[in-house]
Amino acid sequence: MECKSEERVSKLLGAQTHVWNHIFSFINSMSLKCAIDLDIPDIIHKYGEPMPLSQLTASLSLNPSKANCIYRLMRILTHSGFFSQL
């Protein structure tokens, strides 16, 4: 009896995970669009070596208070495989 209950819970969690993955799948593409709009790939390429986040933020024409947003954007892009963290 307990095995069937665990199996049911496992299936429900799997289904919920599947739904959430589809709901939030747009985040990767929108993050990439944002990075391209901000010229982040070009800025990093012109820097010529791994770029600290503080330097990247300073290179962007953004209010310094947005540094936390750039940090989160770069985390998403790194997790998605567009950039790597050294």
PDB file of N, CA and C in Angstrom:
ATOM      1  N   MET A   1       0.820  -1.186   0.000  1.00  0.00           N
ATOM      2  CA  MET A   1       0.000   0.000   0.000  1.00  0.00           C
ATOM      3  C   MET A   1       0.872   1.261   0.000  1.00  0.00           C
ATOM      4  N   GLU A   2       1.903   1.259   0.843  1.00  0.00           N
ATOM      5  CA  GLU A   2       2.781   2.414   0.940  1.00  0.00           C
ATOM      6  C   GLU A   2       3.574   2.624  -0.347  1.00  0.00           C
ATOM      7  N   CYS A   3       3.929   1.558  -1.017  1.00  0.00           N
ATOM      8  CA  CYS A   3       4.682   1.635  -2.271  1.00  0.00           C
ATOM      9  C   CYS A   3       3.864   2.348  -3.347  1.00  0.00           C
ATOM     10  N   LYS A   4       2.578   2.053  -3.431  1.00  0.00           N
ATOM     11  CA  LYS A   4       1.715   2.694  -4.426  1.00  0.00           C
ATOM     12  C   LYS A   4       1.583   4.183  -4.132  1.00  0.00           C
ATOM     13  N   SER A   5       1.527   4.532  -2.858  1.00  0.00           N
ATOM     14  CA  SER A   5       1.428   5.936  -2.471  1.00  0.00           C
ATOM     15  C   SER A   5       2.697   6.695  -2.866  1.00  0.00           C
ATOM     16  N   GLU A   6       3.848   6.098  -2.618  1.00  0.00           N
ATOM     17  CA  GLU A   6       5.119   6.717  -2.997  1.00  0.00           C
ATOM     18  C   GLU A   6       5.225   6.849  -4.514  1.00  0.00           C
ATOM     19  N   GLU A   7       4.761   5.837  -5.223  1.00  0.00           N
ATOM     20  CA  GLU A   7       4.789   5.872  -6.687  1.00  0.00           C
ATOM     21  C   GLU A   7       3.886   6.988  -7.210  1.00  0.00           C
ATOM     22  N   ARG A   8       2.730   7.139  -6.596  1.00  0.00           N
ATOM     23  CA  ARG A   8       1.784   8.186  -7.005  1.00  0.00           C
ATOM     24  C   ARG A   8       2.383   9.573  -6.759  1.00  0.00           C
ATOM     25  N   VAL A   9       2.997   9.763  -5.596  1.00  0.00           N
ATOM     26  CA  VAL A   9       3.633  11.038  -5.272  1.00  0.00           C
ATOM     27  C   VAL A   9       4.761  11.324  -6.263  1.00  0.00           C
ATOM     28  N   SER A  10       5.541  10.317  -6.579  1.00  0.00           N
ATOM     29  CA  SER A  10       6.637  10.481  -7.530  1.00  0.00           C
ATOM     30  C   SER A  10       6.125  10.899  -8.908  1.00  0.00           C
ATOM     31  N   LYS A  11       5.039  10.282  -9.360  1.00  0.00           N
ATOM     32  CA  LYS A  11       4.461  10.635 -10.659  1.00  0.00           C
ATOM     33  C   LYS A  11       3.913  12.057 -10.646  1.00  0.00           C
ATOM     34  N   LEU A  12       3.262  12.439  -9.555  1.00  0.00           N
ATOM     35  CA  LEU A  12       2.728  13.798  -9.452  1.00  0.00           C
ATOM     36  C   LEU A  12       3.846  14.840  -9.451  1.00  0.00           C
ATOM     37  N   LEU A  13       4.922  14.565  -8.735  1.00  0.00           N
ATOM     38  CA  LEU A  13       6.053  15.490  -8.718  1.00  0.00           C
ATOM     39  C   LEU A  13       6.712  15.586 -10.088  1.00  0.00           C
ATOM     40  N   GLY A  14       6.817  14.461 -10.772  1.00  0.00           N
ATOM     41  CA  GLY A  14       7.371  14.461 -12.126  1.00  0.00           C
ATOM     42  C   GLY A  14       6.522  15.278 -13.081  1.00  0.00           C
ATOM     43  N   ALA A  15       5.207  15.136 -12.964  1.00  0.00           N
ATOM     44  CA  ALA A  15       4.294  15.902 -13.817  1.00  0.00           C
ATOM     45  C   ALA A  15       4.385  17.392 -13.498  1.00  0.00           C
ATOM     46  N   GLN A  16       4.462  17.716 -12.223  1.00  0.00           N
ATOM     47  CA  GLN A  16       4.567  19.116 -11.823  1.00  0.00           C
ATOM     48  C   GLN A  16       5.875  19.725 -12.339  1.00  0.00           C
ATOM     49  N   THR A  17       6.953  18.996 -12.247  1.00  0.00           N
ATOM     50  CA  THR A  17       8.237  19.461 -12.768  1.00  0.00           C
ATOM     51  C   THR A  17       8.156  19.713 -14.263  1.00  0.00           C
ATOM     52  N   HIS A  18       7.524  18.808 -14.974  1.00  0.00           N
ATOM     53  CA  HIS A  18       7.360  18.943 -16.424  1.00  0.00           C
ATOM     54  C   HIS A  18       6.585  20.221 -16.764  1.00  0.00           C
ATOM     55  N   VAL A  19       5.515  20.475 -16.056  1.00  0.00           N
ATOM     56  CA  VAL A  19       4.703  21.676 -16.296  1.00  0.00           C
ATOM     57  C   VAL A  19       5.512  22.941 -15.998  1.00  0.00           C
ATOM     58  N   TRP A  20       6.203  22.974 -14.858  1.00  0.00           N
ATOM     59  CA  TRP A  20       6.992  24.158 -14.505  1.00  0.00           C
ATOM     60  C   TRP A  20       8.099  24.407 -15.514  1.00  0.00           C
ATOM     61  N   ASN A  21       8.734  23.361 -16.005  1.00  0.00           N
ATOM     62  CA  ASN A  21       9.779  23.533 -17.018  1.00  0.00           C
ATOM     63  C   ASN A  21       9.221  24.180 -18.276  1.00  0.00           C
ATOM     64  N   HIS A  22       8.029  23.817 -18.677  1.00  0.00           N
ATOM     65  CA  HIS A  22       7.419  24.428 -19.858  1.00  0.00           C
ATOM     66  C   HIS A  22       6.968  25.856 -19.586  1.00  0.00           C
ATOM     67  N   ILE A  23       6.460  26.106 -18.407  1.00  0.00           N
ATOM     68  CA  ILE A  23       6.008  27.455 -18.066  1.00  0.00           C
ATOM     69  C   ILE A  23       7.171  28.448 -18.121  1.00  0.00           C
ATOM     70  N   PHE A  24       8.317  28.049 -17.609  1.00  0.00           N
ATOM     71  CA  PHE A  24       9.452  28.963 -17.524  1.00  0.00           C
ATOM     72  C   PHE A  24      10.491  28.774 -18.624  1.00  0.00           C
ATOM     73  N   SER A  25      10.191  28.037 -19.654  1.00  0.00           N
ATOM     74  CA  SER A  25      11.171  27.791 -20.709  1.00  0.00           C
ATOM     75  C   SER A  25      11.524  29.046 -21.493  1.00  0.00           C
ATOM     76  N   PHE A  26      10.675  30.061 -21.455  1.00  0.00           N
ATOM     77  CA  PHE A  26      10.947  31.297 -22.181  1.00  0.00           C
ATOM     78  C   PHE A  26      12.082  32.101 -21.553  1.00  0.00           C
ATOM     79  N   ILE A  27      12.419  31.825 -20.310  1.00  0.00           N
ATOM     80  CA  ILE A  27      13.414  32.627 -19.599  1.00  0.00           C
ATOM     81  C   ILE A  27      14.773  32.570 -20.291  1.00  0.00           C
ATOM     82  N   ASN A  28      15.174  31.408 -20.779  1.00  0.00           N
ATOM     83  CA  ASN A  28      16.474  31.293 -21.434  1.00  0.00           C
ATOM     84  C   ASN A  28      16.549  32.155 -22.684  1.00  0.00           C
ATOM     85  N   SER A  29      15.518  32.089 -23.526  1.00  0.00           N
ATOM     86  CA  SER A  29      15.557  32.865 -24.762  1.00  0.00           C
ATOM     87  C   SER A  29      15.442  34.366 -24.488  1.00  0.00           C
ATOM     88  N   MET A  30      14.639  34.757 -23.519  1.00  0.00           N
ATOM     89  CA  MET A  30      14.517  36.182 -23.199  1.00  0.00           C
ATOM     90  C   MET A  30      15.803  36.718 -22.558  1.00  0.00           C
ATOM     91  N   SER A  31      16.483  35.893 -21.782  1.00  0.00           N
ATOM     92  CA  SER A  31      17.757  36.306 -21.195  1.00  0.00           C
ATOM     93  C   SER A  31      18.807  36.493 -22.278  1.00  0.00           C
ATOM     94  N   LEU A  32      18.827  35.598 -23.244  1.00  0.00           N
ATOM     95  CA  LEU A  32      19.767  35.726 -24.356  1.00  0.00           C
ATOM     96  C   LEU A  32      19.472  36.987 -25.159  1.00  0.00           C
ATOM     97  N   LYS A  33      18.199  37.260 -25.412  1.00  0.00           N
ATOM     98  CA  LYS A  33      17.816  38.477 -26.139  1.00  0.00           C
ATOM     99  C   LYS A  33      18.280  39.719 -25.382  1.00  0.00           C
ATOM    100  N   CYS A  34      18.106  39.728 -24.085  1.00  0.00           N
ATOM    101  CA  CYS A  34      18.518  40.857 -23.259  1.00  0.00           C
ATOM    102  C   CYS A  34      20.035  41.054 -23.338  1.00  0.00           C
ATOM    103  N   ALA A  35      20.789  39.974 -23.249  1.00  0.00           N
ATOM    104  CA  ALA A  35      22.252  40.060 -23.328  1.00  0.00           C
ATOM    105  C   ALA A  35      22.695  40.612 -24.679  1.00  0.00           C
ATOM    106  N   ILE A  36      22.041  40.178 -25.737  1.00  0.00           N
ATOM    107  CA  ILE A  36      22.389  40.670 -27.072  1.00  0.00           C
ATOM    108  C   ILE A  36      22.017  42.143 -27.208  1.00  0.00           C
ATOM    109  N   ASP A  37      20.852  42.528 -26.698  1.00  0.00           N
ATOM    110  CA  ASP A  37      20.441  43.936 -26.745  1.00  0.00           C
ATOM    111  C   ASP A  37      21.421  44.834 -25.984  1.00  0.00           C
ATOM    112  N   LEU A  38      22.007  44.310 -24.918  1.00  0.00           N
ATOM    113  CA  LEU A  38      22.978  45.072 -24.129  1.00  0.00           C
ATOM    114  C   LEU A  38      24.402  44.965 -24.682  1.00  0.00           C
ATOM    115  N   ASP A  39      24.594  44.183 -25.740  1.00  0.00           N
ATOM    116  CA  ASP A  39      25.915  43.953 -26.363  1.00  0.00           C
ATOM    117  C   ASP A  39      26.894  43.243 -25.427  1.00  0.00           C
ATOM    118  N   ILE A  40      26.394  42.452 -24.515  1.00  0.00           N
ATOM    119  CA  ILE A  40      27.264  41.757 -23.564  1.00  0.00           C
ATOM    120  C   ILE A  40      28.254  40.827 -24.260  1.00  0.00           C
ATOM    121  N   PRO A  41      27.841  40.019 -25.257  1.00  0.00           N
ATOM    122  CA  PRO A  41      28.837  39.159 -25.916  1.00  0.00           C
ATOM    123  C   PRO A  41      29.971  39.959 -26.565  1.00  0.00           C
ATOM    124  N   ASP A  42      29.651  41.068 -27.211  1.00  0.00           N
ATOM    125  CA  ASP A  42      30.679  41.894 -27.853  1.00  0.00           C
ATOM    126  C   ASP A  42      31.596  42.549 -26.823  1.00  0.00           C
ATOM    127  N   ILE A  43      31.027  43.010 -25.729  1.00  0.00           N
ATOM    128  CA  ILE A  43      31.829  43.644 -24.677  1.00  0.00           C
ATOM    129  C   ILE A  43      32.829  42.643 -24.105  1.00  0.00           C
ATOM    130  N   ILE A  44      32.377  41.433 -23.841  1.00  0.00           N
ATOM    131  CA  ILE A  44      33.268  40.401 -23.295  1.00  0.00           C
ATOM    132  C   ILE A  44      34.324  40.020 -24.322  1.00  0.00           C
ATOM    133  N   HIS A  45      33.931  39.894 -25.584  1.00  0.00           N
ATOM    134  CA  HIS A  45      34.884  39.538 -26.645  1.00  0.00           C
ATOM    135  C   HIS A  45      35.962  40.616 -26.792  1.00  0.00           C
ATOM    136  N   LYS A  46      35.568  41.881 -26.774  1.00  0.00           N
ATOM    137  CA  LYS A  46      36.530  42.982 -26.910  1.00  0.00           C
ATOM    138  C   LYS A  46      37.462  43.068 -25.704  1.00  0.00           C
ATOM    139  N   TYR A  47      37.004  42.629 -24.557  1.00  0.00           N
ATOM    140  CA  TYR A  47      37.840  42.644 -23.351  1.00  0.00           C
ATOM    141  C   TYR A  47      39.019  41.695 -23.517  1.00  0.00           C
ATOM    142  N   GLY A  48      38.801  40.604 -24.239  1.00  0.00           N
ATOM    143  CA  GLY A  48      39.889  39.713 -24.613  1.00  0.00           C
ATOM    144  C   GLY A  48      40.270  38.645 -23.610  1.00  0.00           C
ATOM    145  N   GLU A  49      39.670  38.629 -22.468  1.00  0.00           N
ATOM    146  CA  GLU A  49      39.941  37.614 -21.450  1.00  0.00           C
ATOM    147  C   GLU A  49      38.718  37.539 -20.542  1.00  0.00           C
ATOM    148  N   PRO A  50      38.688  36.571 -19.631  1.00  0.00           N
ATOM    149  CA  PRO A  50      37.539  36.505 -18.721  1.00  0.00           C
ATOM    150  C   PRO A  50      37.343  37.846 -18.013  1.00  0.00           C
ATOM    151  N   MET A  51      36.106  38.271 -17.973  1.00  0.00           N
ATOM    152  CA  MET A  51      35.787  39.615 -17.485  1.00  0.00           C
ATOM    153  C   MET A  51      35.077  39.550 -16.140  1.00  0.00           C
ATOM    154  N   PRO A  52      35.595  40.256 -15.144  1.00  0.00           N
ATOM    155  CA  PRO A  52      34.890  40.296 -13.859  1.00  0.00           C
ATOM    156  C   PRO A  52      33.530  40.976 -14.017  1.00  0.00           C
ATOM    157  N   LEU A  53      32.588  40.564 -13.223  1.00  0.00           N
ATOM    158  CA  LEU A  53      31.243  41.126 -13.297  1.00  0.00           C
ATOM    159  C   LEU A  53      31.255  42.633 -13.051  1.00  0.00           C
ATOM    160  N   SER A  54      32.095  43.090 -12.148  1.00  0.00           N
ATOM    161  CA  SER A  54      32.165  44.530 -11.869  1.00  0.00           C
ATOM    162  C   SER A  54      32.610  45.309 -13.099  1.00  0.00           C
ATOM    163  N   GLN A  55      33.546  44.757 -13.847  1.00  0.00           N
ATOM    164  CA  GLN A  55      34.019  45.407 -15.073  1.00  0.00           C
ATOM    165  C   GLN A  55      32.937  45.386 -16.149  1.00  0.00           C
ATOM    166  N   LEU A  56      32.225  44.265 -16.253  1.00  0.00           N
ATOM    167  CA  LEU A  56      31.132  44.168 -17.222  1.00  0.00           C
ATOM    168  C   LEU A  56      30.051  45.189 -16.902  1.00  0.00           C
ATOM    169  N   THR A  57      29.670  45.280 -15.651  1.00  0.00           N
ATOM    170  CA  THR A  57      28.637  46.231 -15.237  1.00  0.00           C
ATOM    171  C   THR A  57      29.078  47.663 -15.523  1.00  0.00           C
ATOM    172  N   ALA A  58      30.350  47.972 -15.276  1.00  0.00           N
ATOM    173  CA  ALA A  58      30.866  49.318 -15.540  1.00  0.00           C
ATOM    174  C   ALA A  58      30.881  49.626 -17.035  1.00  0.00           C
ATOM    175  N   SER A  59      31.025  48.598 -17.870  1.00  0.00           N
ATOM    176  CA  SER A  59      31.078  48.785 -19.323  1.00  0.00           C
ATOM    177  C   SER A  59      29.707  49.005 -19.943  1.00  0.00           C
ATOM    178  N   LEU A  60      28.673  48.672 -19.221  1.00  0.00           N
ATOM    179  CA  LEU A  60      27.313  48.819 -19.745  1.00  0.00           C
ATOM    180  C   LEU A  60      26.782  50.218 -19.442  1.00  0.00           C
ATOM    181  N   SER A  61      25.942  50.705 -20.326  1.00  0.00           N
ATOM    182  CA  SER A  61      25.355  52.032 -20.099  1.00  0.00           C
ATOM    183  C   SER A  61      24.084  51.887 -19.262  1.00  0.00           C
ATOM    184  N   LEU A  62      24.289  51.407 -18.037  1.00  0.00           N
ATOM    185  CA  LEU A  62      23.187  51.194 -17.103  1.00  0.00           C
ATOM    186  C   LEU A  62      23.476  51.900 -15.791  1.00  0.00           C
ATOM    187  N   ASN A  63      22.430  52.147 -15.054  1.00  0.00           N
ATOM    188  CA  ASN A  63      22.563  52.685 -13.715  1.00  0.00           C
ATOM    189  C   ASN A  63      23.295  51.648 -12.858  1.00  0.00           C
ATOM    190  N   PRO A  64      24.306  52.059 -12.088  1.00  0.00           N
ATOM    191  CA  PRO A  64      25.036  51.102 -11.246  1.00  0.00           C
ATOM    192  C   PRO A  64      24.147  50.295 -10.297  1.00  0.00           C
ATOM    193  N   SER A  65      22.972  50.804  -9.989  1.00  0.00           N
ATOM    194  CA  SER A  65      22.070  50.062  -9.104  1.00  0.00           C
ATOM    195  C   SER A  65      21.536  48.798  -9.774  1.00  0.00           C
ATOM    196  N   LYS A  66      21.730  48.663 -11.075  1.00  0.00           N
ATOM    197  CA  LYS A  66      21.266  47.486 -11.815  1.00  0.00           C
ATOM    198  C   LYS A  66      22.294  46.353 -11.818  1.00  0.00           C
ATOM    199  N   ALA A  67      23.393  46.518 -11.097  1.00  0.00           N
ATOM    200  CA  ALA A  67      24.445  45.495 -11.069  1.00  0.00           C
ATOM    201  C   ALA A  67      23.899  44.144 -10.623  1.00  0.00           C
ATOM    202  N   ASN A  68      22.995  44.145  -9.668  1.00  0.00           N
ATOM    203  CA  ASN A  68      22.413  42.891  -9.197  1.00  0.00           C
ATOM    204  C   ASN A  68      21.608  42.212 -10.308  1.00  0.00           C
ATOM    205  N   CYS A  69      20.948  43.000 -11.136  1.00  0.00           N
ATOM    206  CA  CYS A  69      20.185  42.439 -12.258  1.00  0.00           C
ATOM    207  C   CYS A  69      21.122  41.801 -13.281  1.00  0.00           C
ATOM    208  N   ILE A  70      22.261  42.445 -13.536  1.00  0.00           N
ATOM    209  CA  ILE A  70      23.238  41.886 -14.477  1.00  0.00           C
ATOM    210  C   ILE A  70      23.811  40.593 -13.906  1.00  0.00           C
ATOM    211  N   TYR A  71      24.045  40.566 -12.612  1.00  0.00           N
ATOM    212  CA  TYR A  71      24.522  39.342 -11.958  1.00  0.00           C
ATOM    213  C   TYR A  71      23.535  38.197 -12.184  1.00  0.00           C
ATOM    214  N   ARG A  72      22.251  38.462 -11.978  1.00  0.00           N
ATOM    215  CA  ARG A  72      21.230  37.419 -12.165  1.00  0.00           C
ATOM    216  C   ARG A  72      21.119  37.007 -13.628  1.00  0.00           C
ATOM    217  N   LEU A  73      21.201  37.989 -14.523  1.00  0.00           N
ATOM    218  CA  LEU A  73      21.156  37.689 -15.957  1.00  0.00           C
ATOM    219  C   LEU A  73      22.315  36.774 -16.346  1.00  0.00           C
ATOM    220  N   MET A  74      23.507  37.092 -15.883  1.00  0.00           N
ATOM    221  CA  MET A  74      24.675  36.283 -16.225  1.00  0.00           C
ATOM    222  C   MET A  74      24.595  34.890 -15.595  1.00  0.00           C
ATOM    223  N   ARG A  75      23.989  34.771 -14.432  1.00  0.00           N
ATOM    224  CA  ARG A  75      23.807  33.439 -13.825  1.00  0.00           C
ATOM    225  C   ARG A  75      22.900  32.575 -14.682  1.00  0.00           C
ATOM    226  N   ILE A  76      21.811  33.161 -15.188  1.00  0.00           N
ATOM    227  CA  ILE A  76      20.895  32.415 -16.056  1.00  0.00           C
ATOM    228  C   ILE A  76      21.617  31.992 -17.325  1.00  0.00           C
ATOM    229  N   LEU A  77      22.358  32.920 -17.934  1.00  0.00           N
ATOM    230  CA  LEU A  77      23.057  32.619 -19.183  1.00  0.00           C
ATOM    231  C   LEU A  77      24.161  31.585 -18.976  1.00  0.00           C
ATOM    232  N   THR A  78      24.814  31.626 -17.834  1.00  0.00           N
ATOM    233  CA  THR A  78      25.838  30.628 -17.517  1.00  0.00           C
ATOM    234  C   THR A  78      25.193  29.263 -17.303  1.00  0.00           C
ATOM    235  N   HIS A  79      24.114  29.239 -16.564  1.00  0.00           N
ATOM    236  CA  HIS A  79      23.399  27.980 -16.324  1.00  0.00           C
ATOM    237  C   HIS A  79      22.884  27.381 -17.633  1.00  0.00           C
ATOM    238  N   SER A  80      22.492  28.237 -18.567  1.00  0.00           N
ATOM    239  CA  SER A  80      21.970  27.776 -19.859  1.00  0.00           C
ATOM    240  C   SER A  80      23.081  27.349 -20.811  1.00  0.00           C
ATOM    241  N   GLY A  81      24.331  27.634 -20.467  1.00  0.00           N
ATOM    242  CA  GLY A  81      25.454  27.207 -21.291  1.00  0.00           C
ATOM    243  C   GLY A  81      25.922  28.234 -22.311  1.00  0.00           C
ATOM    244  N   PHE A  82      25.395  29.454 -22.263  1.00  0.00           N
ATOM    245  CA  PHE A  82      25.827  30.481 -23.208  1.00  0.00           C
ATOM    246  C   PHE A  82      27.169  31.082 -22.808  1.00  0.00           C
ATOM    247  N   PHE A  83      27.450  31.130 -21.521  1.00  0.00           N
ATOM    248  CA  PHE A  83      28.716  31.632 -21.005  1.00  0.00           C
ATOM    249  C   PHE A  83      29.233  30.625 -19.989  1.00  0.00           C
ATOM    250  N   SER A  84      30.519  30.746 -19.659  1.00  0.00           N
ATOM    251  CA  SER A  84      31.072  29.875 -18.619  1.00  0.00           C
ATOM    252  C   SER A  84      31.672  30.746 -17.524  1.00  0.00           C
ATOM    253  N   GLN A  85      31.665  30.215 -16.338  1.00  0.00           N
ATOM    254  CA  GLN A  85      32.202  30.932 -15.189  1.00  0.00           C
ATOM    255  C   GLN A  85      33.572  30.367 -14.869  1.00  0.00           C
ATOM    256  N   LEU A  86      34.530  31.250 -14.695  1.00  0.00           N
ATOM    257  CA  LEU A  86      35.891  30.806 -14.364  1.00  0.00           C
ATOM    258  C   LEU A  86      36.218  31.103 -12.926  1.00  0.00           C
TER     259      LEU A  86
END
